[in-house]
C-alpha atoms as a PDB file:
ATOM      1  CA  UNK A   1     -14.281  -2.692  10.504  1.00  0.00           C
ATOM      2  CA  UNK A   2     -11.073  -0.651  10.390  1.00  0.00           C
ATOM      3  CA  UNK A   3      -7.917  -2.054   8.864  1.00  0.00           C
ATOM      4  CA  UNK A   4      -5.030  -2.992  11.181  1.00  0.00           C
ATOM      5  CA  UNK A   5      -1.360  -2.303  10.432  1.00  0.00           C
ATOM      6  CA  UNK A   6       1.063  -5.175  11.022  1.00  0.00           C
ATOM      7  CA  UNK A   7       4.838  -5.085  10.609  1.00  0.00           C
ATOM      8  CA  UNK A   8       6.384  -8.434   9.788  1.00  0.00           C
ATOM      9  CA  UNK A   9       9.996  -9.588   9.915  1.00  0.00           C
ATOM     10  CA  UNK A  10      10.597  -9.399   6.155  1.00  0.00           C
ATOM     11  CA  UNK A  11      10.779  -5.576   6.075  1.00  0.00           C
ATOM     12  CA  UNK A  12       7.276  -5.335   4.667  1.00  0.00           C
ATOM     13  CA  UNK A  13       4.485  -3.260   6.084  1.00  0.00           C
ATOM     14  CA  UNK A  14       1.333  -5.345   6.012  1.00  0.00           C
ATOM     15  CA  UNK A  15      -2.255  -4.259   6.016  1.00  0.00           C
ATOM     16  CA  UNK A  16      -4.576  -7.040   7.035  1.00  0.00           C
ATOM     17  CA  UNK A  17      -8.318  -6.740   7.317  1.00  0.00           C
ATOM     18  CA  UNK A  18      -9.761  -8.246  10.444  1.00  0.00           C
ATOM     19  CA  UNK A  19     -10.718 -11.867   9.804  1.00  0.00           C
ATOM     20  CA  UNK A  20      -7.962 -12.293   7.170  1.00  0.00           C
ATOM     21  CA  UNK A  21     -10.305 -11.609   4.225  1.00  0.00           C
ATOM     22  CA  UNK A  22      -7.406  -9.884   2.489  1.00  0.00           C
ATOM     23  CA  UNK A  23      -3.815  -8.892   3.149  1.00  0.00           C
ATOM     24  CA  UNK A  24      -1.695  -6.255   1.440  1.00  0.00           C
ATOM     25  CA  UNK A  25       2.100  -6.048   1.856  1.00  0.00           C
ATOM     26  CA  UNK A  26       3.990  -2.939   0.808  1.00  0.00           C
ATOM     27  CA  UNK A  27       7.802  -2.993   0.473  1.00  0.00           C
ATOM     28  CA  UNK A  28       9.327  -0.745   3.131  1.00  0.00           C
ATOM     29  CA  UNK A  29      11.932   0.570   2.635  1.00  0.00           C
ATOM     30  CA  UNK A  30      12.003   0.593  -1.176  1.00  0.00           C
ATOM     31  CA  UNK A  31      14.224   1.972  -3.933  1.00  0.00           C
ATOM     32  CA  UNK A  32      13.197   2.344  -7.595  1.00  0.00           C
ATOM     33  CA  UNK A  33      10.103   0.130  -7.456  1.00  0.00           C
ATOM     34  CA  UNK A  34       7.495   0.121  -4.742  1.00  0.00           C
ATOM     35  CA  UNK A  35       6.000  -3.375  -4.611  1.00  0.00           C
ATOM     36  CA  UNK A  36       2.424  -3.919  -3.435  1.00  0.00           C
ATOM     37  CA  UNK A  37       1.405  -7.557  -2.942  1.00  0.00           C
ATOM     38  CA  UNK A  38      -2.266  -8.409  -2.520  1.00  0.00           C
ATOM     39  CA  UNK A  39      -2.362 -11.947  -1.154  1.00  0.00           C
ATOM     40  CA  UNK A  40      -6.087 -12.665  -1.193  1.00  0.00           C
ATOM     41  CA  UNK A  41      -8.760 -11.351  -3.566  1.00  0.00           C
ATOM     42  CA  UNK A  42     -10.031  -7.983  -2.416  1.00  0.00           C
ATOM     43  CA  UNK A  43     -13.671  -8.136  -1.284  1.00  0.00           C
ATOM     44  CA  UNK A  44     -14.360  -4.831  -3.072  1.00  0.00           C
ATOM     45  CA  UNK A  45     -12.659  -2.049  -5.008  1.00  0.00           C
ATOM     46  CA  UNK A  46      -9.828  -0.262  -3.213  1.00  0.00           C
ATOM     47  CA  UNK A  47      -7.722   2.769  -4.048  1.00  0.00           C
ATOM     48  CA  UNK A  48      -3.995   3.055  -3.361  1.00  0.00           C
ATOM     49  CA  UNK A  49      -2.493   6.542  -3.198  1.00  0.00           C
ATOM     50  CA  UNK A  50       1.079   7.615  -2.438  1.00  0.00           C
ATOM     51  CA  UNK A  51       1.935  11.173  -1.328  1.00  0.00           C
ATOM     52  CA  UNK A  52       5.231  12.882  -0.600  1.00  0.00           C
ATOM     53  CA  UNK A  53       5.535  14.893   2.613  1.00  0.00           C
ATOM     54  CA  UNK A  54       4.545  18.124   0.861  1.00  0.00           C
ATOM     55  CA  UNK A  55       1.164  16.533   0.093  1.00  0.00           C
ATOM     56  CA  UNK A  56       1.850  16.039  -3.627  1.00  0.00           C
ATOM     57  CA  UNK A  57       0.208  12.886  -4.972  1.00  0.00           C
ATOM     58  CA  UNK A  58       2.868  10.695  -6.606  1.00  0.00           C
ATOM     59  CA  UNK A  59       0.651   7.728  -7.452  1.00  0.00           C
ATOM     60  CA  UNK A  60      -3.036   6.862  -7.542  1.00  0.00           C
ATOM     61  CA  UNK A  61      -4.585   3.581  -8.711  1.00  0.00           C
ATOM     62  CA  UNK A  62      -7.991   1.987  -8.374  1.00  0.00           C
ATOM     63  CA  UNK A  63      -7.671  -1.732  -7.659  1.00  0.00           C
ATOM     64  CA  UNK A  64     -10.766  -3.692  -8.703  1.00  0.00           C
ATOM     65  CA  UNK A  65     -12.476  -6.055  -6.298  1.00  0.00           C
ATOM     66  CA  UNK A  66     -11.369  -9.689  -6.618  1.00  0.00           C
ATOM     67  CA  UNK A  67      -7.857  -8.580  -7.695  1.00  0.00           C
ATOM     68  CA  UNK A  68      -5.093 -10.746  -6.296  1.00  0.00           C
ATOM     69  CA  UNK A  69      -1.429 -10.340  -7.243  1.00  0.00           C
ATOM     70  CA  UNK A  70       1.459  -7.905  -7.379  1.00  0.00           C
ATOM     71  CA  UNK A  71       1.540  -4.252  -8.382  1.00  0.00           C
ATOM     72  CA  UNK A  72       4.890  -2.647  -9.209  1.00  0.00           C
ATOM     73  CA  UNK A  73       4.955   1.139  -8.846  1.00  0.00           C
ATOM     74  CA  UNK A  74       7.876   2.683 -10.742  1.00  0.00           C
ATOM     75  CA  UNK A  75       9.382   5.349  -8.476  1.00  0.00           C
ATOM     76  CA  UNK A  76      12.700   6.259 -10.118  1.00  0.00           C
ATOM     77  CA  UNK A  77      11.631   9.902 -10.472  1.00  0.00           C
ATOM     78  CA  UNK A  78      10.748  10.185  -6.772  1.00  0.00           C
ATOM     79  CA  UNK A  79      13.297  11.738  -4.444  1.00  0.00           C
ATOM     80  CA  UNK A  80      14.659   9.740  -1.508  1.00  0.00           C
ATOM     81  CA  UNK A  81      12.654  10.343   1.635  1.00  0.00           C
ATOM     82  CA  UNK A  82       9.456   9.534   3.464  1.00  0.00           C
ATOM     83  CA  UNK A  83       6.157   8.937   1.676  1.00  0.00           C
ATOM     84  CA  UNK A  84       2.621   8.396   2.905  1.00  0.00           C
ATOM     85  CA  UNK A  85       0.605   5.467   1.543  1.00  0.00           C
ATOM     86  CA  UNK A  86      -3.178   5.636   1.850  1.00  0.00           C
ATOM     87  CA  UNK A  87      -5.394   2.646   1.094  1.00  0.00           C
ATOM     88  CA  UNK A  88      -9.128   3.328   0.931  1.00  0.00           C
ATOM     89  CA  UNK A  89     -12.009   0.947   0.493  1.00  0.00           C
ATOM     90  CA  UNK A  90     -15.511   0.483   1.814  1.00  0.00           C
ATOM     91  CA  UNK A  91     -13.867  -1.311   4.753  1.00  0.00           C
ATOM     92  CA  UNK A  92     -12.143   1.925   5.820  1.00  0.00           C
ATOM     93  CA  UNK A  93      -9.016   3.971   5.229  1.00  0.00           C
ATOM     94  CA  UNK A  94      -5.510   3.219   6.420  1.00  0.00           C
ATOM     95  CA  UNK A  95      -2.436   5.421   6.102  1.00  0.00           C
ATOM     96  CA  UNK A  96       1.182   4.661   6.928  1.00  0.00           C
ATOM     97  CA  UNK A  97       4.672   5.952   6.150  1.00  0.00           C
ATOM     98  CA  UNK A  98       7.224   4.278   3.899  1.00  0.00           C
ATOM     99  CA  UNK A  99      10.852   5.186   3.124  1.00  0.00           C
ATOM    100  CA  UNK A 100      12.505   5.479  -0.291  1.00  0.00           C
ATOM    101  CA  UNK A 101      16.285   5.235  -0.370  1.00  0.00           C
END
């Protein structure tokens, strides 16, 4: 099943798989650290990628299945602007924009 994007009131962009098997929050907007919170163990491996608007990959990490916790992505060298986050797993692919200030 495809992933659904949810925006909550805490200025986080949430990705929640249908049936609440897992939920990922990404800080949006963010400054020098992009925080990714995985609230429930992932059912399988997933990959998180961040691109700038020119298509340059700024970050790529494979997250093992059953991981649950917080990932801090150091982004001090990134310019302010809009970035694209892509999360891929066997459940599908989801992409959304985030803002660095």
